[in-house]
Amino acid sequence: MTSKPEDSGAPRRMRADARQKMTALLEAALEVFAKSGVNAPVREIAEKAGVGLGTVYRHFPQRSDLIVAVLQKGADSCAEAAAVLPTQYEPGEALTRWIHLFMDFVASKRGLATALQSGDPAYAALPAYFSSRMVPALKSLLETAAEAKFIRPDVDANDLLPVIVGLCLGPNEEEPPYARKMVDMLVDGMRFGATGKSDGQQIQR
């Protein structure tokens, strides 16, 4: 009878350890892919994450499985930030900071462009996944910013996301050095037609 609390607690600790290992593995994979390309040795990823090679293959039998997981994790992190930023910053700054996070996500996709453009059906569901995570996240930030009179109320998340991606990507899928400046100008443009105290607030970057 007295062993039940320990027995019930042990699996939770194991699950937490597994989550930590998975997070480390995906972060290591993204870093290695960005530096060495999607064909980098899996052993390099395992060593960087501090896990065994068998752990990688057990969770991700195919390289495409790992790439999909890396991108989904990035999308999830970006989407989840949309709920956190408004608790830390004013609506206008929360929106701007989230857009910058989204730009970083676009950059991570650019690092995996070779795989994503390969035509492998393993990646076919990713665009829909990205949209399902990003559109609601941005929509909530836009609505809050509009209510605060920081931006005009008719900005649509479905229209804005591809515009940001287009500004981020230059020739050969490379981000122009002025991308952030252009996106910041886009945010300033969304303020046209908005009225209220928030119009003049300064965004700290």
C-alpha atoms as a PDB file:
ATOM      1  CA  MET A   1       0.000   0.000   0.000  1.00  0.00           C
ATOM      2  CA  THR A   2       2.756   2.449   0.909  1.00  0.00           C
ATOM      3  CA  SER A   3       4.510   1.900  -2.427  1.00  0.00           C
ATOM      4  CA  LYS A   4       1.668   3.310  -4.535  1.00  0.00           C
ATOM      5  CA  PRO A   5       2.713   6.980  -4.372  1.00  0.00           C
ATOM      6  CA  GLU A   6       6.211   6.041  -5.547  1.00  0.00           C
ATOM      7  CA  ASP A   7       4.860   3.756  -8.246  1.00  0.00           C
ATOM      8  CA  SER A   8       2.500   6.454  -9.532  1.00  0.00           C
ATOM      9  CA  GLY A   9       5.253   9.057  -9.474  1.00  0.00           C
ATOM     10  CA  ALA A  10       7.942   7.124 -11.331  1.00  0.00           C
ATOM     11  CA  PRO A  11       6.220   7.078 -14.742  1.00  0.00           C
ATOM     12  CA  ARG A  12       5.703  10.839 -14.564  1.00  0.00           C
ATOM     13  CA  ARG A  13       9.411  11.365 -13.989  1.00  0.00           C
ATOM     14  CA  MET A  14      10.211   9.061 -16.903  1.00  0.00           C
ATOM     15  CA  ARG A  15       7.852  10.975 -19.177  1.00  0.00           C
ATOM     16  CA  ALA A  16       9.455  14.253 -18.142  1.00  0.00           C
ATOM     17  CA  ASP A  17      12.906  12.852 -18.905  1.00  0.00           C
ATOM     18  CA  ALA A  18      11.675  11.630 -22.269  1.00  0.00           C
ATOM     19  CA  ARG A  19      10.257  15.069 -23.091  1.00  0.00           C
ATOM     20  CA  GLN A  20      13.538  16.716 -22.160  1.00  0.00           C
ATOM     21  CA  LYS A  21      15.475  14.329 -24.376  1.00  0.00           C
ATOM     22  CA  MET A  22      13.057  14.886 -27.239  1.00  0.00           C
ATOM     23  CA  THR A  23      13.337  18.662 -26.903  1.00  0.00           C
ATOM     24  CA  ALA A  24      17.132  18.455 -26.842  1.00  0.00           C
ATOM     25  CA  LEU A  25      17.097  16.172 -29.860  1.00  0.00           C
ATOM     26  CA  LEU A  26      14.871  18.442 -31.955  1.00  0.00           C
ATOM     27  CA  GLU A  27      16.829  21.562 -31.000  1.00  0.00           C
ATOM     28  CA  ALA A  28      20.086  19.836 -31.877  1.00  0.00           C
ATOM     29  CA  ALA A  29      18.659  18.654 -35.187  1.00  0.00           C
ATOM     30  CA  LEU A  30      17.549  22.164 -36.135  1.00  0.00           C
ATOM     31  CA  GLU A  31      20.972  23.591 -35.293  1.00  0.00           C
ATOM     32  CA  VAL A  32      22.840  20.880 -37.198  1.00  0.00           C
ATOM     33  CA  PHE A  33      20.522  21.115 -40.206  1.00  0.00           C
ATOM     34  CA  ALA A  34      20.951  24.899 -40.295  1.00  0.00           C
ATOM     35  CA  LYS A  35      24.750  24.561 -40.191  1.00  0.00           C
ATOM     36  CA  SER A  36      25.412  21.437 -42.245  1.00  0.00           C
ATOM     37  CA  GLY A  37      22.235  20.903 -44.265  1.00  0.00           C
ATOM     38  CA  VAL A  38      19.529  18.270 -44.070  1.00  0.00           C
ATOM     39  CA  ASN A  39      21.936  15.492 -45.079  1.00  0.00           C
ATOM     40  CA  ALA A  40      24.128  15.984 -42.017  1.00  0.00           C
ATOM     41  CA  PRO A  41      25.073  12.738 -40.244  1.00  0.00           C
ATOM     42  CA  VAL A  42      22.484  11.587 -37.730  1.00  0.00           C
ATOM     43  CA  ARG A  43      25.342  10.711 -35.382  1.00  0.00           C
ATOM     44  CA  GLU A  44      26.274  14.408 -35.227  1.00  0.00           C
ATOM     45  CA  ILE A  45      22.738  15.254 -34.139  1.00  0.00           C
ATOM     46  CA  ALA A  46      22.697  12.507 -31.505  1.00  0.00           C
ATOM     47  CA  GLU A  47      26.029  13.604 -30.046  1.00  0.00           C
ATOM     48  CA  LYS A  48      24.946  17.227 -29.891  1.00  0.00           C
ATOM     49  CA  ALA A  49      21.708  16.261 -28.144  1.00  0.00           C
ATOM     50  CA  GLY A  50      23.487  13.940 -25.736  1.00  0.00           C
ATOM     51  CA  VAL A  51      21.435  10.905 -26.713  1.00  0.00           C
ATOM     52  CA  GLY A  52      22.295   7.567 -28.238  1.00  0.00           C
ATOM     53  CA  LEU A  53      22.034   6.943 -31.954  1.00  0.00           C
ATOM     54  CA  GLY A  54      19.441   4.264 -31.242  1.00  0.00           C
ATOM     55  CA  THR A  55      17.224   6.844 -29.541  1.00  0.00           C
ATOM     56  CA  VAL A  56      17.140   8.929 -32.704  1.00  0.00           C
ATOM     57  CA  TYR A  57      16.206   6.013 -34.948  1.00  0.00           C
ATOM     58  CA  ARG A  58      13.683   4.652 -32.460  1.00  0.00           C
ATOM     59  CA  HIS A  59      11.697   7.897 -32.578  1.00  0.00           C
ATOM     60  CA  PHE A  60      12.528   8.876 -36.151  1.00  0.00           C
ATOM     61  CA  PRO A  61      13.140   5.856 -38.403  1.00  0.00           C
ATOM     62  CA  GLN A  62      13.385   8.074 -41.494  1.00  0.00           C
ATOM     63  CA  ARG A  63      15.232  11.369 -41.839  1.00  0.00           C
ATOM     64  CA  SER A  64      11.998  12.905 -43.104  1.00  0.00           C
ATOM     65  CA  ASP A  65      10.333  11.991 -39.789  1.00  0.00           C
ATOM     66  CA  LEU A  66      12.931  14.047 -37.949  1.00  0.00           C
ATOM     67  CA  ILE A  67      12.631  17.005 -40.312  1.00  0.00           C
ATOM     68  CA  VAL A  68       8.846  17.031 -39.964  1.00  0.00           C
ATOM     69  CA  ALA A  69       9.127  16.903 -36.166  1.00  0.00           C
ATOM     70  CA  VAL A  70      11.655  19.757 -36.128  1.00  0.00           C
ATOM     71  CA  LEU A  71       9.392  21.992 -38.192  1.00  0.00           C
ATOM     72  CA  GLN A  72       6.267  21.102 -36.254  1.00  0.00           C
ATOM     73  CA  LYS A  73       8.045  21.918 -32.999  1.00  0.00           C
ATOM     74  CA  GLY A  74       9.092  25.277 -34.423  1.00  0.00           C
ATOM     75  CA  ALA A  75       5.546  26.010 -35.522  1.00  0.00           C
ATOM     76  CA  ASP A  76       4.176  24.984 -32.131  1.00  0.00           C
ATOM     77  CA  SER A  77       6.646  27.188 -30.257  1.00  0.00           C
ATOM     78  CA  CYS A  78       5.824  30.156 -32.452  1.00  0.00           C
ATOM     79  CA  ALA A  79       2.075  29.632 -32.065  1.00  0.00           C
ATOM     80  CA  GLU A  80       2.289  29.170 -28.300  1.00  0.00           C
ATOM     81  CA  ALA A  81       4.179  32.448 -27.990  1.00  0.00           C
ATOM     82  CA  ALA A  82       1.037  34.239 -29.174  1.00  0.00           C
ATOM     83  CA  ALA A  83      -0.579  33.426 -25.825  1.00  0.00           C
ATOM     84  CA  VAL A  84       2.463  34.406 -23.754  1.00  0.00           C
ATOM     85  CA  LEU A  85       3.590  37.685 -25.323  1.00  0.00           C
ATOM     86  CA  PRO A  86       0.361  39.616 -24.533  1.00  0.00           C
ATOM     87  CA  THR A  87       0.907  38.864 -20.843  1.00  0.00           C
ATOM     88  CA  GLN A  88       4.341  40.485 -20.998  1.00  0.00           C
ATOM     89  CA  TYR A  89       3.948  43.400 -23.418  1.00  0.00           C
ATOM     90  CA  GLU A  90       1.476  45.962 -24.649  1.00  0.00           C
ATOM     91  CA  PRO A  91      -0.630  44.773 -27.629  1.00  0.00           C
ATOM     92  CA  GLY A  92       1.435  46.567 -30.267  1.00  0.00           C
ATOM     93  CA  GLU A  93       4.758  45.314 -29.004  1.00  0.00           C
ATOM     94  CA  ALA A  94       3.390  41.796 -28.486  1.00  0.00           C
ATOM     95  CA  LEU A  95       2.281  41.757 -32.124  1.00  0.00           C
ATOM     96  CA  THR A  96       5.617  43.058 -33.391  1.00  0.00           C
ATOM     97  CA  ARG A  97       7.635  40.629 -31.314  1.00  0.00           C
ATOM     98  CA  TRP A  98       5.507  37.714 -32.511  1.00  0.00           C
ATOM     99  CA  ILE A  99       6.029  38.717 -36.133  1.00  0.00           C
ATOM    100  CA  HIS A 100       9.772  38.682 -35.501  1.00  0.00           C
ATOM    101  CA  LEU A 101       9.439  35.164 -34.039  1.00  0.00           C
ATOM    102  CA  PHE A 102       7.518  34.138 -37.123  1.00  0.00           C
ATOM    103  CA  MET A 103      10.345  35.511 -39.256  1.00  0.00           C
ATOM    104  CA  ASP A 104      12.758  33.302 -37.316  1.00  0.00           C
ATOM    105  CA  PHE A 105      10.496  30.356 -38.053  1.00  0.00           C
ATOM    106  CA  VAL A 106      10.559  31.219 -41.755  1.00  0.00           C
ATOM    107  CA  ALA A 107      14.357  31.243 -41.497  1.00  0.00           C
ATOM    108  CA  SER A 108      14.328  27.727 -40.008  1.00  0.00           C
ATOM    109  CA  LYS A 109      12.184  26.530 -42.906  1.00  0.00           C
ATOM    110  CA  ARG A 110      14.644  28.112 -45.313  1.00  0.00           C
ATOM    111  CA  GLY A 111      17.418  26.012 -43.784  1.00  0.00           C
ATOM    112  CA  LEU A 112      15.412  22.908 -44.629  1.00  0.00           C
ATOM    113  CA  ALA A 113      14.385  24.074 -48.085  1.00  0.00           C
ATOM    114  CA  THR A 114      16.246  21.282 -49.884  1.00  0.00           C
ATOM    115  CA  ALA A 115      14.140  18.649 -48.191  1.00  0.00           C
ATOM    116  CA  LEU A 116      10.866  20.548 -48.382  1.00  0.00           C
ATOM    117  CA  GLN A 117      11.258  21.075 -52.130  1.00  0.00           C
ATOM    118  CA  SER A 118      12.148  17.439 -52.809  1.00  0.00           C
ATOM    119  CA  GLY A 119       8.572  16.373 -53.513  1.00  0.00           C
ATOM    120  CA  ASP A 120       8.705  13.765 -50.739  1.00  0.00           C
ATOM    121  CA  PRO A 121       5.083  13.037 -49.708  1.00  0.00           C
ATOM    122  CA  ALA A 122       6.229  12.993 -46.083  1.00  0.00           C
ATOM    123  CA  TYR A 123       6.128  16.797 -46.161  1.00  0.00           C
ATOM    124  CA  ALA A 124       2.783  17.172 -47.929  1.00  0.00           C
ATOM    125  CA  ALA A 125       0.804  17.884 -44.753  1.00  0.00           C
ATOM    126  CA  LEU A 126       3.177  20.535 -43.401  1.00  0.00           C
ATOM    127  CA  PRO A 127       1.653  23.618 -45.123  1.00  0.00           C
ATOM    128  CA  ALA A 128      -1.770  22.825 -43.665  1.00  0.00           C
ATOM    129  CA  TYR A 129      -0.190  22.231 -40.255  1.00  0.00           C
ATOM    130  CA  PHE A 130       1.631  25.556 -40.363  1.00  0.00           C
ATOM    131  CA  SER A 131      -1.561  27.360 -41.326  1.00  0.00           C
ATOM    132  CA  SER A 132      -3.591  25.675 -38.584  1.00  0.00           C
ATOM    133  CA  ARG A 133      -1.093  26.887 -35.984  1.00  0.00           C
ATOM    134  CA  MET A 134      -0.068  30.294 -37.315  1.00  0.00           C
ATOM    135  CA  VAL A 135      -3.353  31.772 -38.528  1.00  0.00           C
ATOM    136  CA  PRO A 136      -5.221  31.533 -35.194  1.00  0.00           C
ATOM    137  CA  ALA A 137      -2.126  32.741 -33.323  1.00  0.00           C
ATOM    138  CA  LEU A 138      -1.714  35.834 -35.461  1.00  0.00           C
ATOM    139  CA  LYS A 139      -5.454  36.452 -35.586  1.00  0.00           C
ATOM    140  CA  SER A 140      -5.655  36.714 -31.798  1.00  0.00           C
ATOM    141  CA  LEU A 141      -2.764  39.188 -31.706  1.00  0.00           C
ATOM    142  CA  LEU A 142      -4.249  41.282 -34.498  1.00  0.00           C
ATOM    143  CA  GLU A 143      -7.626  41.447 -32.767  1.00  0.00           C
ATOM    144  CA  THR A 144      -6.054  42.528 -29.483  1.00  0.00           C
ATOM    145  CA  ALA A 145      -3.902  45.132 -31.225  1.00  0.00           C
ATOM    146  CA  ALA A 146      -6.946  46.459 -33.114  1.00  0.00           C
ATOM    147  CA  GLU A 147      -8.960  46.719 -29.901  1.00  0.00           C
ATOM    148  CA  ALA A 148      -6.092  48.721 -28.411  1.00  0.00           C
ATOM    149  CA  LYS A 149      -6.216  51.046 -31.468  1.00  0.00           C
ATOM    150  CA  PHE A 150      -2.637  50.113 -32.369  1.00  0.00           C
ATOM    151  CA  ILE A 151      -3.553  48.869 -35.857  1.00  0.00           C
ATOM    152  CA  ARG A 152      -6.509  49.229 -38.190  1.00  0.00           C
ATOM    153  CA  PRO A 153      -9.237  46.630 -37.609  1.00  0.00           C
ATOM    154  CA  ASP A 154      -9.377  45.147 -41.109  1.00  0.00           C
ATOM    155  CA  VAL A 155      -5.981  43.393 -41.190  1.00  0.00           C
ATOM    156  CA  ASP A 156      -6.517  39.692 -41.939  1.00  0.00           C
ATOM    157  CA  ALA A 157      -4.101  37.031 -40.687  1.00  0.00           C
ATOM    158  CA  ASN A 158      -4.570  34.942 -43.839  1.00  0.00           C
ATOM    159  CA  ASP A 159      -3.434  37.905 -45.946  1.00  0.00           C
ATOM    160  CA  LEU A 160      -0.633  39.079 -43.666  1.00  0.00           C
ATOM    161  CA  LEU A 161       1.264  35.804 -43.180  1.00  0.00           C
ATOM    162  CA  PRO A 162       2.189  35.238 -46.859  1.00  0.00           C
ATOM    163  CA  VAL A 163       3.165  38.904 -47.172  1.00  0.00           C
ATOM    164  CA  ILE A 164       5.625  38.527 -44.295  1.00  0.00           C
ATOM    165  CA  VAL A 165       7.039  35.345 -45.831  1.00  0.00           C
ATOM    166  CA  GLY A 166       7.443  37.133 -49.150  1.00  0.00           C
ATOM    167  CA  LEU A 167       9.368  39.970 -47.513  1.00  0.00           C
ATOM    168  CA  CYS A 168      11.614  37.504 -45.703  1.00  0.00           C
ATOM    169  CA  LEU A 169      12.630  35.482 -48.737  1.00  0.00           C
ATOM    170  CA  GLY A 170      14.914  36.953 -51.336  1.00  0.00           C
ATOM    171  CA  PRO A 171      16.661  35.387 -54.347  1.00  0.00           C
ATOM    172  CA  ASN A 172      17.589  31.730 -53.867  1.00  0.00           C
ATOM    173  CA  GLU A 173      15.513  31.545 -50.669  1.00  0.00           C
ATOM    174  CA  GLU A 174      17.894  33.902 -48.870  1.00  0.00           C
ATOM    175  CA  GLU A 175      16.618  36.500 -46.427  1.00  0.00           C
ATOM    176  CA  PRO A 176      17.392  40.042 -47.597  1.00  0.00           C
ATOM    177  CA  PRO A 177      19.439  41.941 -45.015  1.00  0.00           C
ATOM    178  CA  TYR A 178      16.678  44.540 -44.816  1.00  0.00           C
ATOM    179  CA  ALA A 179      13.890  42.010 -44.182  1.00  0.00           C
ATOM    180  CA  ARG A 180      13.235  43.022 -40.592  1.00  0.00           C
ATOM    181  CA  LYS A 181      13.251  46.672 -41.537  1.00  0.00           C
ATOM    182  CA  MET A 182      10.708  46.013 -44.276  1.00  0.00           C
ATOM    183  CA  VAL A 183       8.478  44.003 -41.948  1.00  0.00           C
ATOM    184  CA  ASP A 184       8.649  46.750 -39.329  1.00  0.00           C
ATOM    185  CA  MET A 185       7.573  49.211 -41.998  1.00  0.00           C
ATOM    186  CA  LEU A 186       4.690  46.869 -42.804  1.00  0.00           C
ATOM    187  CA  VAL A 187       3.609  46.936 -39.164  1.00  0.00           C
ATOM    188  CA  ASP A 188       3.803  50.739 -39.217  1.00  0.00           C
ATOM    189  CA  GLY A 189       1.598  50.704 -42.312  1.00  0.00           C
ATOM    190  CA  MET A 190      -1.032  48.640 -40.509  1.00  0.00           C
ATOM    191  CA  ARG A 191      -1.379  51.495 -38.055  1.00  0.00           C
ATOM    192  CA  PHE A 192      -2.762  53.776 -40.767  1.00  0.00           C
ATOM    193  CA  GLY A 193      -6.418  54.388 -39.979  1.00  0.00           C
ATOM    194  CA  ALA A 194      -6.095  53.379 -36.329  1.00  0.00           C
ATOM    195  CA  THR A 195      -6.808  56.020 -33.718  1.00  0.00           C
ATOM    196  CA  GLY A 196      -6.205  56.192 -30.035  1.00  0.00           C
ATOM    197  CA  LYS A 197      -3.519  56.438 -27.447  1.00  0.00           C
ATOM    198  CA  SER A 198      -1.618  53.420 -28.764  1.00  0.00           C
ATOM    199  CA  ASP A 199      -0.898  55.161 -32.086  1.00  0.00           C
ATOM    200  CA  GLY A 200       2.124  56.919 -30.681  1.00  0.00           C
ATOM    201  CA  GLN A 201       3.558  54.178 -28.496  1.00  0.00           C
ATOM    202  CA  GLN A 202       7.131  53.229 -29.192  1.00  0.00           C
ATOM    203  CA  ILE A 203       8.108  49.629 -29.797  1.00  0.00           C
ATOM    204  CA  GLN A 204      11.306  48.556 -28.078  1.00  0.00           C
ATOM    205  CA  ARG A 205      13.261  46.027 -30.066  1.00  0.00           C
END
